Amino acid sequence: MPSISLVAQPLTHEAWAPYGDVIQGSEDPSTMPLSVITNKITANPIPGHKFNRISPITSHYPSAGSPEAQGTPHTAISVIRIGPPKGLELGGQFEVRMLERHAATSQAFIPFAKAGSEWEEFTGEKGLPESRGGGMIVVGCLPGADGKPDLSTLKVFVSSPAQGVCYHAGIWHHSVVSFTHSDLAAIDTQITTDGSLLIDLEIIRKTEGEDSFATVQLPKIL
């Protein structure tokens, strides 16, 4: 099947809803999805808001002791430190050459703000090569009746540095692609730490010489 041509769109709650949740706050609580319960925070010197239950952490692993159980799933927060792929540029093109899914768990990625040199000196912790945060390329694709990617539903978005993203269980997506060197919190439930069980991680890759799933035009600025 020839590669699909797509234009990356801004990541919004509405556009991403079929695939998962956008994790972000708002100066105007009325712009949040109706499912998000907002409370005012008045105990702090400067009042604020808490946006509750933006993205539930879900898992559907077989129960312990059942014939289908392959181990003990663990729900945890991990940290991914990653840099941009070679040649990735704003305003350029990106080829979607792999899709993966986690059949039994949701998966969320939340970028950290970058610490400046003064914090490196204070903490002694070496920071990232760049001091600015960067957005991500976010790919979503629904499964078809056979469980494989339904490429008619393939969409590509670009997140801002102030946005995290959650993929619902079973949603096909690309691995993390960041425009800059970034630390991200990863929140999911898995049995293994290396994705060696199919129930934890299923990957489809295009081999050399094969057309990509999609060729994506990226925006010039975030």
Protein backbone atom coordinates (compact mmCIF):
# COMPACT_ATOMS: atom_id res chain seq x y z
CA MET A 1 0.00 0.00 0.00
CA PRO A 2 1.47 3.41 -0.98
CA SER A 3 2.42 5.85 1.76
CA ILE A 4 -0.35 8.21 2.89
CA SER A 5 0.37 11.95 2.71
CA LEU A 6 -0.67 13.84 5.84
CA VAL A 7 -0.21 17.29 7.35
CA ALA A 8 0.49 17.35 11.10
CA GLN A 9 -2.20 19.15 13.07
CA PRO A 10 -2.03 20.89 16.47
CA LEU A 11 -2.79 18.51 19.34
CA THR A 12 -6.17 19.38 20.88
CA HIS A 13 -8.55 17.63 23.27
CA GLU A 14 -11.23 17.27 20.60
CA ALA A 15 -9.00 16.03 17.79
CA TRP A 16 -7.17 13.51 20.00
CA ALA A 17 -10.27 12.16 21.79
CA PRO A 18 -10.65 9.01 19.62
CA TYR A 19 -7.11 7.96 20.54
CA GLY A 20 -6.60 9.14 24.10
CA ASP A 21 -6.28 12.22 26.28
CA VAL A 22 -4.33 15.47 26.11
CA ILE A 23 -2.71 16.24 29.47
CA GLN A 24 -2.54 19.97 30.12
CA GLY A 25 -4.02 22.74 32.23
CA SER A 26 -5.76 25.90 31.09
CA GLU A 27 -6.09 29.51 32.19
CA ASP A 28 -9.77 29.15 31.28
CA PRO A 29 -11.27 26.03 32.91
CA SER A 30 -14.28 26.21 30.57
CA THR A 31 -12.03 25.08 27.71
CA MET A 32 -11.34 21.72 29.37
CA PRO A 33 -13.29 18.59 28.37
CA LEU A 34 -16.59 18.11 30.21
CA SER A 35 -15.23 14.90 31.77
CA VAL A 36 -12.56 16.90 33.65
CA ILE A 37 -13.64 18.00 37.13
CA THR A 38 -12.10 21.36 38.03
CA ASN A 39 -11.60 22.59 41.59
CA LYS A 40 -10.36 25.98 42.70
CA ILE A 41 -7.26 25.93 44.91
CA THR A 42 -7.59 28.61 47.57
CA ALA A 43 -5.14 27.40 50.23
CA ASN A 44 -2.08 28.64 48.33
CA PRO A 45 -0.93 32.29 48.42
CA ILE A 46 -1.85 32.55 44.74
CA PRO A 47 -5.16 30.79 43.95
CA GLY A 48 -5.17 28.27 41.14
CA HIS A 49 -7.07 25.31 39.74
CA LYS A 50 -6.78 21.55 39.92
CA PHE A 51 -7.93 19.69 36.83
CA ASN A 52 -8.97 16.27 38.14
CA ARG A 53 -8.92 12.94 36.35
CA ILE A 54 -7.76 14.32 33.02
CA SER A 55 -6.50 10.90 31.98
CA PRO A 56 -7.36 7.67 33.82
CA ILE A 57 -4.65 5.02 34.10
CA THR A 58 -6.26 1.82 32.82
CA SER A 59 -5.14 -1.77 32.31
CA HIS A 60 -6.85 -4.95 31.15
CA TYR A 61 -4.39 -7.70 31.97
CA PRO A 62 -5.74 -11.18 32.78
CA SER A 63 -6.35 -11.73 36.49
CA ALA A 64 -3.60 -13.39 38.51
CA GLY A 65 -4.09 -17.15 38.58
CA SER A 66 -6.08 -17.27 35.35
CA PRO A 67 -4.80 -19.51 32.52
CA GLU A 68 -4.08 -16.42 30.39
CA ALA A 69 -1.92 -14.69 33.02
CA GLN A 70 1.72 -14.36 31.94
CA GLY A 71 3.10 -12.58 34.98
CA THR A 72 2.44 -9.77 37.41
CA PRO A 73 1.68 -6.39 35.83
CA HIS A 74 3.13 -3.32 37.51
CA THR A 75 1.71 0.19 37.29
CA ALA A 76 4.52 2.71 37.67
CA ILE A 77 6.02 6.03 36.64
CA SER A 78 9.18 5.69 34.57
CA VAL A 79 11.39 8.38 33.00
CA ILE A 80 12.47 8.44 29.37
CA ARG A 81 15.44 10.60 28.35
CA ILE A 82 15.49 10.96 24.59
CA GLY A 83 16.83 13.14 21.79
CA PRO A 84 15.39 14.00 18.38
CA PRO A 85 15.90 11.62 15.45
CA LYS A 86 18.68 12.60 13.06
CA GLY A 87 17.45 15.03 10.43
CA LEU A 88 14.17 15.90 12.16
CA GLU A 89 13.35 19.54 11.46
CA LEU A 90 10.37 21.80 11.89
CA GLY A 91 8.95 22.54 8.47
CA GLY A 92 10.38 19.28 7.13
CA GLN A 93 8.84 15.87 6.60
CA PHE A 94 8.57 12.87 8.88
CA GLU A 95 7.98 9.30 7.76
CA VAL A 96 5.87 6.99 9.92
CA ARG A 97 7.74 3.72 9.50
CA MET A 98 6.62 1.93 12.64
CA LEU A 99 3.48 1.56 14.71
CA GLU A 100 3.17 -0.02 18.13
CA ARG A 101 0.42 -0.67 20.63
CA HIS A 102 -0.07 -1.82 24.19
CA ALA A 103 -3.12 -4.06 24.08
CA ALA A 104 -3.70 -4.19 27.84
CA THR A 105 -2.68 -0.77 29.13
CA SER A 106 -2.99 2.93 28.57
CA GLN A 107 0.29 4.80 28.24
CA ALA A 108 0.99 8.45 29.04
CA PHE A 109 3.99 10.70 28.40
CA ILE A 110 4.43 14.00 30.25
CA PRO A 111 7.42 16.24 29.43
CA PHE A 112 9.47 17.84 32.19
CA ALA A 113 10.49 21.48 32.19
CA LYS A 114 14.24 21.95 31.71
CA ALA A 115 16.51 23.02 34.55
CA GLY A 116 18.92 25.87 33.85
CA SER A 117 22.62 26.03 34.71
CA GLU A 118 21.89 27.52 38.15
CA TRP A 119 20.01 24.36 39.11
CA GLU A 120 22.79 22.16 37.78
CA GLU A 121 25.19 24.02 40.06
CA PHE A 122 22.81 23.79 43.02
CA THR A 123 21.96 20.09 42.67
CA GLY A 124 25.09 18.75 40.98
CA GLU A 125 22.85 16.96 38.46
CA LYS A 126 23.94 17.27 34.84
CA GLY A 127 21.08 18.61 32.76
CA LEU A 128 20.05 18.04 29.18
CA PRO A 129 21.97 19.51 26.22
CA GLU A 130 19.19 22.04 25.59
CA SER A 131 17.56 24.39 28.06
CA ARG A 132 14.25 24.68 26.26
CA GLY A 133 11.45 22.18 26.12
CA GLY A 134 10.30 20.73 22.84
CA GLY A 135 7.05 19.36 21.52
CA MET A 136 6.44 15.85 20.23
CA ILE A 137 5.14 14.22 17.09
CA VAL A 138 2.04 12.32 18.22
CA VAL A 139 0.62 9.57 16.00
CA GLY A 140 -2.68 7.78 16.56
CA CYS A 141 -4.35 4.97 14.61
CA LEU A 142 -7.39 2.90 15.57
CA PRO A 143 -7.31 -0.90 15.32
CA GLY A 144 -9.40 -2.55 12.64
CA ALA A 145 -11.63 -5.60 13.04
CA ASP A 146 -8.54 -7.82 12.80
CA GLY A 147 -6.69 -5.81 15.44
CA LYS A 148 -4.20 -4.44 12.92
CA PRO A 149 -3.89 -0.69 12.22
CA ASP A 150 -6.80 0.78 10.27
CA LEU A 151 -4.77 3.24 8.22
CA SER A 152 -7.89 5.18 7.24
CA THR A 153 -7.91 6.43 10.84
CA LEU A 154 -4.21 7.36 10.98
CA LYS A 155 -3.72 10.94 12.21
CA VAL A 156 -0.58 12.87 13.13
CA PHE A 157 -0.37 15.78 15.55
CA VAL A 158 2.30 18.02 17.03
CA SER A 159 2.16 18.76 20.76
CA SER A 160 3.43 21.91 22.41
CA PRO A 161 6.08 21.73 25.17
CA ALA A 162 3.25 22.33 27.67
CA GLN A 163 1.28 19.23 26.67
CA GLY A 164 1.45 15.60 27.68
CA VAL A 165 -0.39 12.82 25.90
CA CYS A 166 -2.07 9.54 26.84
CA TYR A 167 -2.80 6.69 24.44
CA HIS A 168 -5.79 4.52 25.27
CA ALA A 169 -5.14 0.78 25.54
CA GLY A 170 -4.94 -0.86 22.12
CA ILE A 171 -4.34 2.35 20.15
CA TRP A 172 -1.62 2.08 17.54
CA HIS A 173 0.94 4.86 17.78
CA HIS A 174 4.53 5.77 17.00
CA SER A 175 7.21 5.58 19.66
CA VAL A 176 8.15 8.87 21.34
CA VAL A 177 9.49 11.45 18.87
CA SER A 178 10.68 14.70 20.46
CA PHE A 179 11.92 17.81 18.66
CA THR A 180 14.56 18.39 21.35
CA HIS A 181 16.47 16.46 24.00
CA SER A 182 13.78 15.78 26.58
CA ASP A 183 12.95 14.00 29.81
CA LEU A 184 9.44 12.59 29.93
CA ALA A 185 7.50 10.77 32.62
CA ALA A 186 6.02 7.55 31.22
CA ILE A 187 3.01 6.14 33.08
CA ASP A 188 1.71 2.69 32.20
CA THR A 189 1.14 -0.87 33.40
CA GLN A 190 3.33 -3.68 32.07
CA ILE A 191 4.63 -7.09 33.08
CA THR A 192 8.10 -6.67 31.58
CA THR A 193 10.43 -3.68 31.41
CA ASP A 194 11.66 -4.45 27.89
CA GLY A 195 8.43 -5.15 26.02
CA SER A 196 9.38 -8.79 25.44
CA LEU A 197 5.79 -10.00 25.91
CA LEU A 198 3.31 -9.36 23.10
CA ILE A 199 0.62 -8.35 25.57
CA ASP A 200 2.97 -5.58 26.78
CA LEU A 201 4.10 -4.39 23.36
CA GLU A 202 3.28 -5.21 19.75
CA ILE A 203 5.30 -3.52 16.98
CA ILE A 204 4.90 -3.38 13.20
CA ARG A 205 7.89 -2.00 11.29
CA LYS A 206 8.37 -1.15 7.64
CA THR A 207 11.51 -2.75 6.24
CA GLU A 208 14.04 -1.01 4.02
CA GLY A 209 12.57 -0.53 0.55
CA GLU A 210 8.97 -0.63 1.75
CA ASP A 211 6.78 2.46 1.60
CA SER A 212 6.18 4.10 4.97
CA PHE A 213 2.74 4.10 6.56
CA ALA A 214 2.59 7.86 6.06
CA THR A 215 4.67 10.84 5.00
CA VAL A 216 3.90 13.81 7.22
CA GLN A 217 4.45 17.50 6.57
CA LEU A 218 5.52 19.18 9.83
CA PRO A 219 4.75 22.79 10.85
CA LYS A 220 7.47 25.43 10.64
CA ILE A 221 7.03 26.53 14.26
CA LEU A 222 5.57 25.03 17.44
